[in-house]
Amino acid sequence: MYLIDQDLVRSHMDQRLAEAGQAARARRLASARRWSRRAARASQRAARANSAVW
């Protein structure tokens, strides 16, 4: 009986770790997309500023 409980706890822990890993990957992906959009806007602003000078 004790081994069954250990296996159950271990499987739940593995599942929670997998869920945490997925959540972390989702946060990193969202952050990367946000920084990418921010960089694109900065690049556009720089291009407009450069064209305004010339």
PDB file of N, CA and C in Angstrom:
ATOM      1  N   MET A   1       0.826  -1.193   0.000  1.00  0.00           N
ATOM      2  CA  MET A   1       0.000   0.000   0.000  1.00  0.00           C
ATOM      3  C   MET A   1       0.865   1.249   0.000  1.00  0.00           C
ATOM      4  N   TYR A   2       1.930   1.227   0.781  1.00  0.00           N
ATOM      5  CA  TYR A   2       2.811   2.382   0.888  1.00  0.00           C
ATOM      6  C   TYR A   2       3.447   2.714  -0.460  1.00  0.00           C
ATOM      7  N   LEU A   3       3.827   1.691  -1.218  1.00  0.00           N
ATOM      8  CA  LEU A   3       4.443   1.917  -2.526  1.00  0.00           C
ATOM      9  C   LEU A   3       3.452   2.533  -3.511  1.00  0.00           C
ATOM     10  N   ILE A   4       2.211   2.145  -3.432  1.00  0.00           N
ATOM     11  CA  ILE A   4       1.188   2.720  -4.305  1.00  0.00           C
ATOM     12  C   ILE A   4       1.032   4.209  -4.005  1.00  0.00           C
ATOM     13  N   ASP A   5       1.016   4.565  -2.717  1.00  0.00           N
ATOM     14  CA  ASP A   5       0.922   5.970  -2.337  1.00  0.00           C
ATOM     15  C   ASP A   5       2.122   6.759  -2.850  1.00  0.00           C
ATOM     16  N   GLN A   6       3.310   6.162  -2.735  1.00  0.00           N
ATOM     17  CA  GLN A   6       4.516   6.834  -3.225  1.00  0.00           C
ATOM     18  C   GLN A   6       4.443   7.053  -4.729  1.00  0.00           C
ATOM     19  N   ASP A   7       3.992   6.036  -5.455  1.00  0.00           N
ATOM     20  CA  ASP A   7       3.863   6.165  -6.906  1.00  0.00           C
ATOM     21  C   ASP A   7       2.855   7.236  -7.275  1.00  0.00           C
ATOM     22  N   LEU A   8       1.763   7.287  -6.542  1.00  0.00           N
ATOM     23  CA  LEU A   8       0.739   8.297  -6.811  1.00  0.00           C
ATOM     24  C   LEU A   8       1.284   9.699  -6.551  1.00  0.00           C
ATOM     25  N   VAL A   9       1.957   9.871  -5.444  1.00  0.00           N
ATOM     26  CA  VAL A   9       2.542  11.176  -5.121  1.00  0.00           C
ATOM     27  C   VAL A   9       3.583  11.555  -6.171  1.00  0.00           C
ATOM     28  N   ARG A  10       4.411  10.605  -6.556  1.00  0.00           N
ATOM     29  CA  ARG A  10       5.447  10.882  -7.552  1.00  0.00           C
ATOM     30  C   ARG A  10       4.833  11.267  -8.892  1.00  0.00           C
ATOM     31  N   SER A  11       3.768  10.586  -9.292  1.00  0.00           N
ATOM     32  CA  SER A  11       3.144  10.924 -10.579  1.00  0.00           C
ATOM     33  C   SER A  11       2.496  12.309 -10.519  1.00  0.00           C
ATOM     34  N   HIS A  12       1.900  12.644  -9.386  1.00  0.00           N
ATOM     35  CA  HIS A  12       1.319  13.989  -9.248  1.00  0.00           C
ATOM     36  C   HIS A  12       2.412  15.051  -9.276  1.00  0.00           C
ATOM     37  N   MET A  13       3.522  14.772  -8.608  1.00  0.00           N
ATOM     38  CA  MET A  13       4.623  15.724  -8.586  1.00  0.00           C
ATOM     39  C   MET A  13       5.197  15.910  -9.987  1.00  0.00           C
ATOM     40  N   ASP A  14       5.365  14.815 -10.716  1.00  0.00           N
ATOM     41  CA  ASP A  14       5.862  14.905 -12.091  1.00  0.00           C
ATOM     42  C   ASP A  14       4.911  15.717 -12.954  1.00  0.00           C
ATOM     43  N   GLN A  15       3.621  15.510 -12.762  1.00  0.00           N
ATOM     44  CA  GLN A  15       2.632  16.263 -13.537  1.00  0.00           C
ATOM     45  C   GLN A  15       2.704  17.750 -13.204  1.00  0.00           C
ATOM     46  N   ARG A  16       2.837  18.084 -11.940  1.00  0.00           N
ATOM     47  CA  ARG A  16       2.933  19.498 -11.537  1.00  0.00           C
ATOM     48  C   ARG A  16       4.201  20.136 -12.085  1.00  0.00           C
ATOM     49  N   LEU A  17       5.300  19.383 -12.064  1.00  0.00           N
ATOM     50  CA  LEU A  17       6.545  19.910 -12.625  1.00  0.00           C
ATOM     51  C   LEU A  17       6.407  20.156 -14.125  1.00  0.00           C
ATOM     52  N   ALA A  18       5.743  19.259 -14.815  1.00  0.00           N
ATOM     53  CA  ALA A  18       5.524  19.440 -16.250  1.00  0.00           C
ATOM     54  C   ALA A  18       4.654  20.665 -16.509  1.00  0.00           C
ATOM     55  N   GLU A  19       3.609  20.840 -15.706  1.00  0.00           N
ATOM     56  CA  GLU A  19       2.747  22.012 -15.860  1.00  0.00           C
ATOM     57  C   GLU A  19       3.516  23.297 -15.591  1.00  0.00           C
ATOM     58  N   ALA A  20       4.365  23.280 -14.580  1.00  0.00           N
ATOM     59  CA  ALA A  20       5.178  24.458 -14.260  1.00  0.00           C
ATOM     60  C   ALA A  20       6.139  24.772 -15.403  1.00  0.00           C
ATOM     61  N   GLY A  21       6.701  23.732 -15.990  1.00  0.00           N
ATOM     62  CA  GLY A  21       7.592  23.932 -17.135  1.00  0.00           C
ATOM     63  C   GLY A  21       6.864  24.542 -18.317  1.00  0.00           C
ATOM     64  N   GLN A  22       5.660  24.064 -18.572  1.00  0.00           N
ATOM     65  CA  GLN A  22       4.861  24.624 -19.664  1.00  0.00           C
ATOM     66  C   GLN A  22       4.529  26.085 -19.395  1.00  0.00           C
ATOM     67  N   ALA A  23       4.159  26.402 -18.183  1.00  0.00           N
ATOM     68  CA  ALA A  23       3.824  27.783 -17.834  1.00  0.00           C
ATOM     69  C   ALA A  23       5.040  28.685 -17.990  1.00  0.00           C
ATOM     70  N   ALA A  24       6.199  28.207 -17.588  1.00  0.00           N
ATOM     71  CA  ALA A  24       7.420  28.999 -17.726  1.00  0.00           C
ATOM     72  C   ALA A  24       7.747  29.236 -19.196  1.00  0.00           C
ATOM     73  N   ARG A  25       7.584  28.199 -20.015  1.00  0.00           N
ATOM     74  CA  ARG A  25       7.829  28.369 -21.455  1.00  0.00           C
ATOM     75  C   ARG A  25       6.852  29.367 -22.054  1.00  0.00           C
ATOM     76  N   ALA A  26       5.596  29.317 -21.639  1.00  0.00           N
ATOM     77  CA  ALA A  26       4.594  30.257 -22.152  1.00  0.00           C
ATOM     78  C   ALA A  26       4.942  31.690 -21.752  1.00  0.00           C
ATOM     79  N   ARG A  27       5.402  31.868 -20.513  1.00  0.00           N
ATOM     80  CA  ARG A  27       5.797  33.216 -20.077  1.00  0.00           C
ATOM     81  C   ARG A  27       6.991  33.722 -20.871  1.00  0.00           C
ATOM     82  N   ARG A  28       7.979  32.853 -21.110  1.00  0.00           N
ATOM     83  CA  ARG A  28       9.149  33.267 -21.888  1.00  0.00           C
ATOM     84  C   ARG A  28       8.762  33.619 -23.319  1.00  0.00           C
ATOM     85  N   LEU A  29       7.853  32.841 -23.909  1.00  0.00           N
ATOM     86  CA  LEU A  29       7.412  33.111 -25.270  1.00  0.00           C
ATOM     87  C   LEU A  29       6.676  34.445 -25.343  1.00  0.00           C
ATOM     88  N   ALA A  30       5.795  34.698 -24.395  1.00  0.00           N
ATOM     89  CA  ALA A  30       5.063  35.969 -24.369  1.00  0.00           C
ATOM     90  C   ALA A  30       6.025  37.135 -24.194  1.00  0.00           C
ATOM     91  N   SER A  31       7.003  36.969 -23.331  1.00  0.00           N
ATOM     92  CA  SER A  31       7.994  38.021 -23.109  1.00  0.00           C
ATOM     93  C   SER A  31       8.813  38.262 -24.379  1.00  0.00           C
ATOM     94  N   ALA A  32       9.207  37.204 -25.050  1.00  0.00           N
ATOM     95  CA  ALA A  32       9.986  37.343 -26.280  1.00  0.00           C
ATOM     96  C   ALA A  32       9.179  38.062 -27.350  1.00  0.00           C
ATOM     97  N   ARG A  33       7.911  37.729 -27.458  1.00  0.00           N
ATOM     98  CA  ARG A  33       7.058  38.414 -28.437  1.00  0.00           C
ATOM     99  C   ARG A  33       6.922  39.890 -28.099  1.00  0.00           C
ATOM    100  N   ARG A  34       6.755  40.190 -26.808  1.00  0.00           N
ATOM    101  CA  ARG A  34       6.626  41.575 -26.374  1.00  0.00           C
ATOM    102  C   ARG A  34       7.899  42.362 -26.699  1.00  0.00           C
ATOM    103  N   TRP A  35       9.067  41.783 -26.387  1.00  0.00           N
ATOM    104  CA  TRP A  35      10.327  42.460 -26.678  1.00  0.00           C
ATOM    105  C   TRP A  35      10.549  42.597 -28.179  1.00  0.00           C
ATOM    106  N   SER A  36      10.101  41.627 -28.944  1.00  0.00           N
ATOM    107  CA  SER A  36      10.241  41.704 -30.398  1.00  0.00           C
ATOM    108  C   SER A  36       9.416  42.861 -30.964  1.00  0.00           C
ATOM    109  N   ARG A  37       8.178  42.982 -30.490  1.00  0.00           N
ATOM    110  CA  ARG A  37       7.334  44.093 -30.945  1.00  0.00           C
ATOM    111  C   ARG A  37       7.933  45.435 -30.529  1.00  0.00           C
ATOM    112  N   ARG A  38       8.461  45.483 -29.303  1.00  0.00           N
ATOM    113  CA  ARG A  38       9.081  46.711 -28.806  1.00  0.00           C
ATOM    114  C   ARG A  38      10.288  47.088 -29.669  1.00  0.00           C
ATOM    115  N   ALA A  39      11.092  46.113 -30.029  1.00  0.00           N
ATOM    116  CA  ALA A  39      12.269  46.366 -30.864  1.00  0.00           C
ATOM    117  C   ALA A  39      11.858  46.816 -32.260  1.00  0.00           C
ATOM    118  N   ALA A  40      10.800  46.221 -32.796  1.00  0.00           N
ATOM    119  CA  ALA A  40      10.326  46.612 -34.124  1.00  0.00           C
ATOM    120  C   ALA A  40       9.843  48.056 -34.111  1.00  0.00           C
ATOM    121  N   ARG A  41       9.120  48.443 -33.061  1.00  0.00           N
ATOM    122  CA  ARG A  41       8.658  49.835 -32.972  1.00  0.00           C
ATOM    123  C   ARG A  41       9.831  50.801 -32.845  1.00  0.00           C
ATOM    124  N   ALA A  42      10.823  50.431 -32.057  1.00  0.00           N
ATOM    125  CA  ALA A  42      12.011  51.277 -31.909  1.00  0.00           C
ATOM    126  C   ALA A  42      12.743  51.417 -33.237  1.00  0.00           C
ATOM    127  N   SER A  43      12.819  50.334 -33.983  1.00  0.00           N
ATOM    128  CA  SER A  43      13.467  50.375 -35.289  1.00  0.00           C
ATOM    129  C   SER A  43      12.708  51.295 -36.242  1.00  0.00           C
ATOM    130  N   GLN A  44      11.392  51.219 -36.208  1.00  0.00           N
ATOM    131  CA  GLN A  44      10.584  52.102 -37.061  1.00  0.00           C
ATOM    132  C   GLN A  44      10.771  53.563 -36.667  1.00  0.00           C
ATOM    133  N   ARG A  45      10.801  53.829 -35.357  1.00  0.00           N
ATOM    134  CA  ARG A  45      11.016  55.205 -34.903  1.00  0.00           C
ATOM    135  C   ARG A  45      12.384  55.713 -35.358  1.00  0.00           C
ATOM    136  N   ALA A  46      13.391  54.864 -35.261  1.00  0.00           N
ATOM    137  CA  ALA A  46      14.736  55.253 -35.681  1.00  0.00           C
ATOM    138  C   ALA A  46      14.775  55.533 -37.177  1.00  0.00           C
ATOM    139  N   ALA A  47      14.089  54.708 -37.949  1.00  0.00           N
ATOM    140  CA  ALA A  47      14.059  54.908 -39.400  1.00  0.00           C
ATOM    141  C   ALA A  47      13.351  56.222 -39.747  1.00  0.00           C
ATOM    142  N   ARG A  48      12.253  56.503 -39.054  1.00  0.00           N
ATOM    143  CA  ARG A  48      11.537  57.772 -39.308  1.00  0.00           C
ATOM    144  C   ARG A  48      12.388  58.964 -38.901  1.00  0.00           C
ATOM    145  N   ALA A  49      13.056  58.853 -37.765  1.00  0.00           N
ATOM    146  CA  ALA A  49      13.923  59.948 -37.317  1.00  0.00           C
ATOM    147  C   ALA A  49      15.071  60.164 -38.292  1.00  0.00           C
ATOM    148  N   ASN A  50      15.630  59.073 -38.806  1.00  0.00           N
ATOM    149  CA  ASN A  50      16.732  59.177 -39.747  1.00  0.00           C
ATOM    150  C   ASN A  50      16.268  59.819 -41.054  1.00  0.00           C
ATOM    151  N   SER A  51      15.082  59.457 -41.520  1.00  0.00           N
ATOM    152  CA  SER A  51      14.590  60.026 -42.764  1.00  0.00           C
ATOM    153  C   SER A  51      14.194  61.489 -42.582  1.00  0.00           C
ATOM    154  N   ALA A  52      13.806  61.870 -41.381  1.00  0.00           N
ATOM    155  CA  ALA A  52      13.429  63.265 -41.120  1.00  0.00           C
ATOM    156  C   ALA A  52      14.670  64.162 -41.128  1.00  0.00           C
ATOM    157  N   VAL A  53      15.807  63.591 -40.766  1.00  0.00           N
ATOM    158  CA  VAL A  53      17.038  64.386 -40.748  1.00  0.00           C
ATOM    159  C   VAL A  53      17.494  64.681 -42.157  1.00  0.00           C
ATOM    160  N   TRP A  54      17.362  63.716 -43.025  1.00  0.00           N
ATOM    161  CA  TRP A  54      17.823  63.911 -44.407  1.00  0.00           C
ATOM    162  C   TRP A  54      16.715  64.422 -45.204  1.00  0.00           C
TER     163      TRP A  54
END
